[in-house]
Amino acid sequence: MTSKLCLTILSVTILAIAPLRAAQDDTVLLNTLGYTTGQSVLLTHMAVGTLADAYVGKAYKSDQATTFITTYINITKGMKDQMKKLVDADILTKNDSQFVQSTVDVLDLVLKESRDLEGYIESGKKSDAEAYDNSRKKALKEIKALLSIKD
């Protein structure tokens, strides 16, 4: 009888602790994914800016710069689509879902910035360069807000 009672108590304890352990594991996983997602958004923005500087400095010809910017656009679109699927799956907590949706919104700004640079590379027009610069500034402002980066 004592062994049955001990086994029952042990089983209940293990079953009670298992969800807590899973929740802690999810927290670590979600925090890690949040940091890597933020890093990806920031580094893509920086890569687009570096490409713009390199193109203006004549380090790349327009066909080379177009290849790079197209790659950045496609990868950013893919990331945005996956993040949107995560929000739509409705498996996240409210706070996590809000962060992912905010990330999707910021990715839209990075895409606009990238497309504006693509437009400038294609046209060479000052107005397109200004559009890119405005998009760049807006994207950076929102990236800083998303990642809590202080000036």
Protein backbone atom coordinates (compact mmCIF):
# COMPACT_ATOMS: atom_id res chain seq x y z
CA MET A 1 0.00 0.00 0.00
CA THR A 2 2.79 2.42 0.87
CA SER A 3 4.55 1.76 -2.43
CA LYS A 4 1.33 2.42 -4.36
CA LEU A 5 0.86 5.69 -2.50
CA CYS A 6 4.47 6.71 -3.14
CA LEU A 7 4.15 5.79 -6.81
CA THR A 8 0.94 7.80 -7.09
CA ILE A 9 2.47 10.85 -5.40
CA LEU A 10 5.59 10.58 -7.56
CA SER A 11 3.49 10.27 -10.74
CA VAL A 12 1.34 13.27 -9.84
CA THR A 13 4.44 15.32 -9.01
CA ILE A 14 6.14 14.43 -12.30
CA LEU A 15 2.99 15.20 -14.29
CA ALA A 16 2.58 18.51 -12.47
CA ILE A 17 6.18 19.54 -13.11
CA ALA A 18 6.27 18.49 -16.79
CA PRO A 19 4.11 21.38 -18.10
CA LEU A 20 6.13 23.85 -16.02
CA ARG A 21 9.35 22.53 -17.56
CA ALA A 22 7.81 22.74 -21.06
CA ALA A 23 6.72 26.33 -20.42
CA GLN A 24 10.25 27.25 -19.30
CA ASP A 25 11.68 25.56 -22.39
CA ASP A 26 9.25 27.52 -24.58
CA THR A 27 10.33 30.76 -22.93
CA VAL A 28 13.98 30.11 -23.71
CA LEU A 29 13.10 29.08 -27.26
CA LEU A 30 10.88 32.10 -27.87
CA ASN A 31 13.43 34.51 -26.37
CA THR A 32 16.16 33.04 -28.56
CA LEU A 33 13.98 33.28 -31.66
CA GLY A 34 13.08 36.85 -30.72
CA TYR A 35 16.72 37.87 -30.48
CA THR A 36 17.70 36.15 -33.72
CA THR A 37 14.71 37.64 -35.51
CA GLY A 38 15.60 41.11 -34.28
CA GLN A 39 19.19 40.60 -35.34
CA SER A 40 18.07 39.50 -38.80
CA VAL A 41 15.86 42.56 -39.25
CA LEU A 42 18.62 44.92 -38.12
CA LEU A 43 21.34 43.25 -40.19
CA THR A 44 19.17 43.24 -43.31
CA HIS A 45 18.57 46.96 -42.86
CA MET A 46 22.31 47.49 -42.40
CA ALA A 47 23.13 45.33 -45.44
CA VAL A 48 20.77 47.39 -47.60
CA GLY A 49 22.44 50.58 -46.35
CA THR A 50 25.90 49.19 -46.97
CA LEU A 51 24.85 48.21 -50.49
CA ALA A 52 23.54 51.72 -51.09
CA ASP A 53 26.85 53.21 -49.94
CA ALA A 54 28.84 50.75 -52.05
CA TYR A 55 26.70 51.45 -55.12
CA VAL A 56 26.97 55.22 -54.76
CA GLY A 57 30.73 54.80 -54.19
CA LYS A 58 30.88 52.82 -57.46
CA ALA A 59 32.06 49.61 -55.80
CA TYR A 60 29.24 47.83 -57.65
CA LYS A 61 27.73 48.29 -61.08
CA SER A 62 23.96 48.44 -61.33
CA ASP A 63 23.59 44.79 -62.39
CA GLN A 64 25.63 43.62 -59.39
CA ALA A 65 23.74 45.88 -56.99
CA THR A 66 20.44 44.70 -58.47
CA THR A 67 21.41 41.08 -57.81
CA PHE A 68 22.15 41.87 -54.16
CA ILE A 69 19.03 43.95 -53.55
CA THR A 70 16.84 41.32 -55.20
CA THR A 71 18.30 38.72 -52.85
CA TYR A 72 17.65 40.94 -49.81
CA ILE A 73 14.07 41.54 -50.95
CA ASN A 74 13.35 37.86 -51.55
CA ILE A 75 14.80 36.75 -48.22
CA THR A 76 12.97 39.49 -46.34
CA LYS A 77 9.69 38.58 -48.05
CA GLY A 78 10.22 34.94 -47.08
CA MET A 79 10.90 35.89 -43.47
CA LYS A 80 7.84 38.14 -43.38
CA ASP A 81 5.64 35.38 -44.83
CA GLN A 82 6.84 32.90 -42.19
CA MET A 83 6.30 35.41 -39.39
CA LYS A 84 2.78 36.09 -40.69
CA LYS A 85 2.07 32.33 -40.70
CA LEU A 86 3.20 32.21 -37.08
CA VAL A 87 0.77 34.99 -36.12
CA ASP A 88 -2.05 33.38 -38.10
CA ALA A 89 -1.44 29.99 -36.44
CA ASP A 90 -2.66 31.58 -33.19
CA ILE A 91 -0.32 29.53 -31.00
CA LEU A 92 1.53 32.37 -29.29
CA THR A 93 0.71 34.31 -26.17
CA LYS A 94 -0.79 37.74 -26.71
CA ASN A 95 2.55 39.48 -25.99
CA ASP A 96 4.52 37.16 -28.27
CA SER A 97 1.95 37.55 -31.02
CA GLN A 98 2.15 41.35 -30.71
CA PHE A 99 5.95 41.23 -31.00
CA VAL A 100 5.76 39.02 -34.09
CA GLN A 101 3.12 41.30 -35.67
CA SER A 102 5.30 44.33 -34.90
CA THR A 103 8.19 42.51 -36.56
CA VAL A 104 6.03 41.89 -39.64
CA ASP A 105 5.21 45.61 -39.74
CA VAL A 106 8.91 46.52 -39.49
CA LEU A 107 9.75 43.99 -42.21
CA ASP A 108 7.28 45.85 -44.45
CA LEU A 109 9.35 48.99 -43.86
CA VAL A 110 12.61 47.16 -44.63
CA LEU A 111 10.99 45.87 -47.83
CA LYS A 112 9.94 49.41 -48.79
CA GLU A 113 13.45 50.65 -48.08
CA SER A 114 14.88 47.84 -50.22
CA ARG A 115 12.46 48.45 -53.08
CA ASP A 116 13.19 52.16 -52.99
CA LEU A 117 16.91 51.43 -53.27
CA GLU A 118 16.13 49.06 -56.13
CA GLY A 119 14.23 51.90 -57.81
CA TYR A 120 17.18 54.23 -57.39
CA ILE A 121 19.60 51.64 -58.79
CA GLU A 122 17.34 51.23 -61.83
CA SER A 123 16.73 54.94 -62.46
CA GLY A 124 19.64 56.85 -60.95
CA LYS A 125 17.18 59.69 -60.24
CA LYS A 126 17.72 62.01 -57.31
CA SER A 127 14.04 61.71 -56.37
CA ASP A 128 14.44 57.93 -56.05
CA ALA A 129 17.55 58.41 -53.92
CA GLU A 130 15.55 60.72 -51.65
CA ALA A 131 12.69 58.21 -51.46
CA TYR A 132 15.18 55.53 -50.42
CA ASP A 133 16.73 57.82 -47.79
CA ASN A 134 13.31 58.63 -46.32
CA SER A 135 12.38 54.94 -46.23
CA ARG A 136 15.72 54.09 -44.65
CA LYS A 137 15.21 56.62 -41.85
CA LYS A 138 11.66 55.45 -41.16
CA ALA A 139 12.72 51.78 -41.09
CA LEU A 140 15.61 52.53 -38.74
CA LYS A 141 13.35 54.44 -36.36
CA GLU A 142 10.93 51.51 -36.15
CA ILE A 143 13.71 48.92 -35.87
CA LYS A 144 15.11 50.84 -32.91
CA ALA A 145 11.66 50.94 -31.31
CA LEU A 146 11.09 47.22 -31.91
CA LEU A 147 14.46 46.26 -30.44
CA SER A 148 14.46 48.92 -27.68
CA ILE A 149 17.66 50.47 -29.03
CA LYS A 150 18.41 53.84 -27.47
CA ASP A 151 20.22 56.60 -29.36
